[in-house]
Amino acid sequence: MTPPPDDHAHRSRRRRRILQWWTWLAAACVLAVLVQGFVVEPGELVERDYALAPRGWPRACDGLRVDVVADTHTGSPRNGLDHFDEVVKRLSDDDSKIVLMAGDYVILKVLLGRYVPASDTAEHLKPLLARKPVYAVLGNHDWWKGGPAVREAFAAAGVHMIDNRAEAVSVGGCRFWLVGLGDALEGKPDIPGAFAQVADDAPVIALTHEPSLFPRIPARAALTVAGHTHGGQVQLWPRTLFGKEAFDPDSHRLRGAYDVDGRLLFVSPGIGTSIVPMRLGVPPEISRLTLRGATTIH
């Protein structure tokens, strides 16, 4: 039996209204994601605590607090010098003993970004340098925009630039070595040469820009700290939903701690953005590491 014409027209109008409602809902969701990813999240700054137990970490160094930042990319959208000043203030106010910076302080290219010279960024680091020592290596963007000039600007401000160098560090009764390694893409990393500078059996923390270098770093390093990946910049679902991904040296989504056959890697998700000025589910982060002996982790 054929429905009356007016009934058919009513159903058609109802279907159009439902379709229109879902279209507006989808558009609102897309707009909300774009605002969050391009406007809100790149301007945020979180501090996240990590308790790590490097293999062989000595009792004298138990509880050492280390702050890590990477990929500041000052000048990317929502990430100008004012945002960098907030990073510096948070690092200065924290109770960490040292700060590690894992490269990429300038930007090569990012949509709607503005290049900020390393000399300007270094000047804004001085309040932090007056409070605690800062150790750093260069990243691929730094090399692309004149690596020696970036290194000289940071060194002139008081940053310990340790590309392919080992430096002994003493914090109270804790003594360890920092081994900096050149960027894997542009910095000509000299792993044997840098580790040959370690003069005793004190523990070693290796600092590099790219985590892809991790498989080549000797087991002598109790911990390797890296950046470069930005944590993928976009994470559409919680990591707990599918579990944390296993370590893959070629992955651009690495972030956090990875234990690979007893060897420990920490990858900072970074501060700024590159190429596309979007962060979603991976907000800019100051990573606050507490290094403990294995028996003190609960």
Protein backbone atom coordinates (compact mmCIF):
# COMPACT_ATOMS: atom_id res chain seq x y z
CA MET A 1 0.00 0.00 0.00
CA THR A 2 1.49 3.35 -1.04
CA PRO A 3 1.67 6.00 1.75
CA PRO A 4 -0.14 9.28 1.16
CA PRO A 5 1.95 11.97 -0.58
CA ASP A 6 1.96 14.23 2.51
CA ASP A 7 3.29 11.36 4.68
CA HIS A 8 6.09 10.71 2.17
CA ALA A 9 6.99 14.41 2.17
CA HIS A 10 7.02 14.46 5.98
CA ARG A 11 9.47 11.52 6.08
CA SER A 12 11.70 13.20 3.51
CA ARG A 13 11.79 16.42 5.54
CA ARG A 14 12.57 14.43 8.70
CA ARG A 15 15.45 12.62 6.98
CA ARG A 16 16.83 15.95 5.73
CA ARG A 17 16.63 17.45 9.24
CA ILE A 18 18.45 14.46 10.73
CA LEU A 19 21.11 14.60 8.04
CA GLN A 20 21.48 18.34 8.57
CA TRP A 21 21.77 17.84 12.34
CA TRP A 22 24.52 15.22 11.93
CA THR A 23 26.31 17.44 9.41
CA TRP A 24 26.33 20.36 11.85
CA LEU A 25 27.47 18.07 14.68
CA ALA A 26 30.34 16.71 12.56
CA ALA A 27 31.35 20.24 11.54
CA ALA A 28 31.30 21.37 15.18
CA CYS A 29 33.48 18.40 16.18
CA VAL A 30 35.97 19.12 13.40
CA LEU A 31 36.08 22.80 14.38
CA ALA A 32 36.64 21.89 18.04
CA VAL A 33 39.52 19.56 17.09
CA LEU A 34 41.10 22.22 14.89
CA VAL A 35 40.85 24.88 17.60
CA GLN A 36 42.29 22.50 20.20
CA GLY A 37 45.09 21.34 17.91
CA PHE A 38 46.10 24.62 16.27
CA VAL A 39 45.23 27.20 18.94
CA VAL A 40 44.84 25.78 22.43
CA GLU A 41 47.28 22.91 22.86
CA PRO A 42 50.40 24.43 21.22
CA GLY A 43 50.20 27.24 23.79
CA GLU A 44 49.86 24.93 26.78
CA LEU A 45 52.69 23.75 29.02
CA VAL A 46 52.49 20.69 31.24
CA GLU A 47 54.97 19.32 33.77
CA ARG A 48 55.03 15.53 33.95
CA ASP A 49 56.87 13.46 36.55
CA TYR A 50 58.71 10.25 35.68
CA ALA A 51 60.40 7.87 38.13
CA LEU A 52 63.18 5.99 36.35
CA ALA A 53 65.52 3.29 37.64
CA PRO A 54 68.64 3.23 35.49
CA ARG A 55 70.62 0.02 35.72
CA GLY A 56 73.47 0.34 38.23
CA TRP A 57 72.37 3.75 39.43
CA PRO A 58 74.39 4.33 42.66
CA ARG A 59 73.00 4.98 46.12
CA ALA A 60 74.74 8.36 46.29
CA CYS A 61 72.68 9.50 43.28
CA ASP A 62 69.36 8.02 44.38
CA GLY A 63 66.57 10.57 43.98
CA LEU A 64 68.50 12.88 41.67
CA ARG A 65 66.06 15.27 39.97
CA VAL A 66 66.72 16.17 36.32
CA ASP A 67 64.49 18.30 34.09
CA VAL A 68 64.41 17.58 30.36
CA VAL A 69 63.15 19.77 27.50
CA ALA A 70 63.61 19.36 23.77
CA ASP A 71 62.48 20.80 20.46
CA THR A 72 61.67 24.23 21.85
CA HIS A 73 61.44 25.51 18.22
CA THR A 74 60.96 29.05 19.46
CA GLY A 75 58.96 31.02 16.92
CA SER A 76 56.48 28.33 15.97
CA PRO A 77 52.83 29.47 16.35
CA ARG A 78 51.67 30.00 19.96
CA ASN A 79 55.29 29.38 20.95
CA GLY A 80 57.12 32.69 20.87
CA LEU A 81 59.63 34.10 23.32
CA ASP A 82 56.84 34.77 25.83
CA HIS A 83 56.06 31.05 25.89
CA PHE A 84 59.77 30.26 26.16
CA ASP A 85 59.96 32.63 29.15
CA GLU A 86 57.28 30.51 30.85
CA VAL A 87 59.34 27.38 30.16
CA VAL A 88 62.40 29.07 31.67
CA LYS A 89 60.43 30.20 34.74
CA ARG A 90 59.05 26.70 35.37
CA LEU A 91 62.52 25.19 35.02
CA SER A 92 64.01 27.83 37.33
CA ASP A 93 61.37 27.33 40.02
CA ASP A 94 61.56 23.53 40.00
CA ASP A 95 63.70 21.64 42.52
CA SER A 96 65.69 19.81 39.84
CA LYS A 97 69.47 19.99 40.13
CA ILE A 98 70.28 20.21 36.42
CA VAL A 99 68.48 20.75 33.12
CA LEU A 100 69.10 18.75 29.95
CA MET A 101 68.15 20.23 26.56
CA ALA A 102 67.98 17.74 23.71
CA GLY A 103 68.22 19.96 20.63
CA ASP A 104 66.19 21.87 18.02
CA TYR A 105 66.00 25.34 19.55
CA VAL A 106 65.28 27.12 16.26
CA ILE A 107 62.86 26.33 13.43
CA LEU A 108 63.68 25.72 9.81
CA LYS A 109 60.10 26.00 8.59
CA VAL A 110 56.66 25.87 10.14
CA LEU A 111 53.38 27.22 8.76
CA LEU A 112 52.63 30.71 10.17
CA GLY A 113 55.84 30.60 12.24
CA ARG A 114 58.50 33.28 12.67
CA TYR A 115 62.21 32.54 12.83
CA VAL A 116 63.79 33.55 16.16
CA PRO A 117 67.61 33.65 16.19
CA ALA A 118 69.38 31.43 18.70
CA SER A 119 71.03 34.53 20.17
CA ASP A 120 67.59 35.84 21.24
CA THR A 121 66.62 32.49 22.75
CA ALA A 122 69.94 32.25 24.59
CA GLU A 123 69.41 35.68 26.14
CA HIS A 124 66.10 34.50 27.59
CA LEU A 125 67.84 31.47 29.15
CA LYS A 126 69.90 33.60 31.52
CA PRO A 127 67.45 33.58 34.48
CA LEU A 128 67.59 29.76 34.43
CA LEU A 129 71.37 29.68 34.06
CA ALA A 130 71.66 31.86 37.16
CA ARG A 131 69.88 29.15 39.17
CA LYS A 132 71.25 25.82 37.90
CA PRO A 133 73.51 24.28 35.24
CA VAL A 134 72.09 23.55 31.79
CA TYR A 135 73.59 20.97 29.42
CA ALA A 136 72.62 20.82 25.76
CA VAL A 137 73.28 19.29 22.36
CA LEU A 138 72.23 20.52 18.94
CA GLY A 139 69.44 19.08 16.79
CA ASN A 140 69.00 18.83 13.04
CA HIS A 141 67.12 22.16 12.78
CA ASP A 142 69.94 23.89 14.64
CA TRP A 143 72.45 22.56 12.11
CA TRP A 144 70.23 23.54 9.19
CA LYS A 145 70.15 27.13 10.49
CA GLY A 146 73.88 27.36 11.25
CA GLY A 147 74.96 24.90 13.94
CA PRO A 148 78.19 26.67 15.01
CA ALA A 149 76.32 29.96 15.49
CA VAL A 150 73.62 28.28 17.59
CA ARG A 151 76.27 26.53 19.70
CA GLU A 152 78.25 29.74 20.20
CA ALA A 153 75.15 31.73 21.21
CA PHE A 154 74.15 29.18 23.84
CA ALA A 155 77.71 28.71 25.10
CA ALA A 156 78.17 32.50 25.43
CA ALA A 157 75.06 32.60 27.64
CA GLY A 158 76.52 29.89 29.90
CA VAL A 159 75.00 26.66 28.56
CA HIS A 160 77.32 23.63 28.64
CA MET A 161 77.32 22.52 24.99
CA ILE A 162 78.45 18.90 24.98
CA ASP A 163 78.10 17.63 21.41
CA ASN A 164 80.54 14.71 21.14
CA ARG A 165 81.98 15.56 24.57
CA ALA A 166 81.90 13.96 28.00
CA GLU A 167 81.67 16.13 31.09
CA ALA A 168 81.84 15.04 34.72
CA VAL A 169 78.98 16.38 36.87
CA SER A 170 78.87 16.57 40.67
CA VAL A 171 75.63 17.25 42.54
CA GLY A 172 76.14 17.03 46.27
CA GLY A 173 77.52 13.55 46.90
CA CYS A 174 76.38 12.34 43.46
CA ARG A 175 78.95 12.16 40.70
CA PHE A 176 78.22 11.02 37.16
CA TRP A 177 79.17 11.70 33.55
CA LEU A 178 77.14 13.40 30.86
CA VAL A 179 78.09 12.23 27.37
CA GLY A 180 76.70 14.43 24.61
CA LEU A 181 76.41 13.03 21.11
CA GLY A 182 76.12 14.91 17.84
CA ASP A 183 72.85 14.84 15.93
CA ALA A 184 72.40 11.63 13.95
CA LEU A 185 71.36 13.47 10.78
CA GLU A 186 73.72 16.44 10.69
CA GLY A 187 75.96 16.46 13.75
CA LYS A 188 78.39 13.62 12.87
CA PRO A 189 78.01 11.73 16.15
CA ASP A 190 81.31 10.36 17.46
CA ILE A 191 80.08 7.73 19.89
CA PRO A 192 83.41 5.94 20.52
CA GLY A 193 85.28 9.23 20.83
CA ALA A 194 82.78 10.75 23.28
CA PHE A 195 82.63 7.68 25.50
CA ALA A 196 86.44 7.39 25.46
CA GLN A 197 86.49 10.67 27.41
CA VAL A 198 84.78 9.01 30.40
CA ALA A 199 87.70 8.62 32.80
CA ASP A 200 86.29 6.45 35.60
CA ASP A 201 83.48 4.03 36.47
CA ALA A 202 80.93 6.67 37.55
CA PRO A 203 77.51 6.23 35.90
CA VAL A 204 76.86 7.78 32.48
CA ILE A 205 73.85 9.64 31.10
CA ALA A 206 73.98 10.05 27.32
CA LEU A 207 72.28 13.09 25.77
CA THR A 208 71.43 13.18 22.08
CA HIS A 209 68.79 14.66 19.81
CA GLU A 210 67.55 11.66 17.86
CA PRO A 211 66.45 8.45 19.59
CA SER A 212 67.40 6.52 16.43
CA LEU A 213 70.95 6.68 17.81
CA PHE A 214 69.99 4.65 20.89
CA PRO A 215 70.81 1.14 19.51
CA ARG A 216 74.38 2.31 18.85
CA ILE A 217 74.97 3.74 22.33
CA PRO A 218 77.10 1.46 24.56
CA ALA A 219 75.53 -0.36 27.49
CA ARG A 220 77.93 1.74 29.59
CA ALA A 221 75.21 4.43 29.55
CA ALA A 222 72.77 3.99 32.44
CA LEU A 223 70.27 6.28 30.67
CA THR A 224 69.96 7.89 27.26
CA VAL A 225 67.91 11.09 26.87
CA ALA A 226 66.65 12.23 23.45
CA GLY A 227 64.00 14.36 21.72
CA HIS A 228 63.28 14.98 18.02
CA THR A 229 59.97 13.08 17.67
CA HIS A 230 57.62 15.64 19.32
CA GLY A 231 55.77 12.50 20.44
CA GLY A 232 54.24 12.50 16.97
CA GLN A 233 52.63 15.93 17.70
CA VAL A 234 49.18 14.35 17.20
CA GLN A 235 47.71 11.49 19.25
CA LEU A 236 44.07 10.89 18.34
CA TRP A 237 43.39 8.36 21.10
CA PRO A 238 44.73 7.75 24.61
CA ARG A 239 47.90 5.66 24.67
CA THR A 240 46.28 3.40 27.27
CA LEU A 241 43.64 2.36 24.74
CA PHE A 242 45.99 0.20 22.68
CA GLY A 243 48.98 0.12 25.02
CA LYS A 244 52.31 1.86 24.67
CA GLU A 245 54.14 1.13 21.43
CA ALA A 246 57.38 -0.85 21.58
CA PHE A 247 60.65 0.92 20.88
CA ASP A 248 61.28 1.37 17.18
CA PRO A 249 64.35 3.46 16.30
CA ASP A 250 62.63 4.72 13.16
CA SER A 251 59.36 5.72 14.82
CA HIS A 252 58.39 9.39 14.90
CA ARG A 253 55.90 8.82 17.72
CA LEU A 254 58.28 7.87 20.53
CA ARG A 255 57.83 9.61 23.87
CA GLY A 256 58.44 8.68 27.48
CA ALA A 257 60.57 5.87 28.87
CA TYR A 258 61.60 2.66 27.09
CA ASP A 259 63.42 -0.29 28.64
CA VAL A 260 65.16 -2.25 25.88
CA ASP A 261 66.87 -5.35 27.25
CA GLY A 262 67.75 -3.55 30.47
CA ARG A 263 68.93 -0.39 28.70
CA LEU A 264 66.92 2.74 29.43
CA LEU A 265 65.87 5.46 26.98
CA PHE A 266 63.80 8.57 27.69
CA VAL A 267 62.32 10.58 24.80
CA SER A 268 60.99 14.06 25.48
CA PRO A 269 57.78 14.98 23.59
CA GLY A 270 59.15 18.51 23.24
CA ILE A 271 57.75 22.01 23.37
CA GLY A 272 57.27 23.46 19.88
CA THR A 273 56.04 22.29 16.50
CA SER A 274 57.61 21.69 13.12
CA ILE A 275 56.15 21.83 9.58
CA VAL A 276 52.49 21.76 10.74
CA PRO A 277 51.79 23.96 13.81
CA MET A 278 49.52 21.43 15.48
CA ARG A 279 49.63 19.52 18.76
CA LEU A 280 46.76 17.28 19.74
CA GLY A 281 46.95 14.88 22.66
CA VAL A 282 50.67 15.63 23.01
CA PRO A 283 50.90 18.99 24.80
CA PRO A 284 54.21 20.82 25.22
CA GLU A 285 55.97 19.19 28.15
CA ILE A 286 58.68 19.76 30.72
CA SER A 287 59.70 16.23 31.72
CA ARG A 288 60.75 15.94 35.37
CA LEU A 289 62.87 12.84 35.90
CA THR A 290 63.60 11.34 39.30
CA LEU A 291 66.43 8.83 39.01
CA ARG A 292 66.38 6.04 41.56
CA GLY A 293 68.07 2.77 42.23
CA ALA A 294 65.97 -0.21 41.16
CA THR A 295 65.27 -1.25 44.75
CA THR A 296 63.64 2.11 45.58
CA ILE A 297 60.96 2.01 42.84
CA HIS A 298 57.54 0.98 44.19
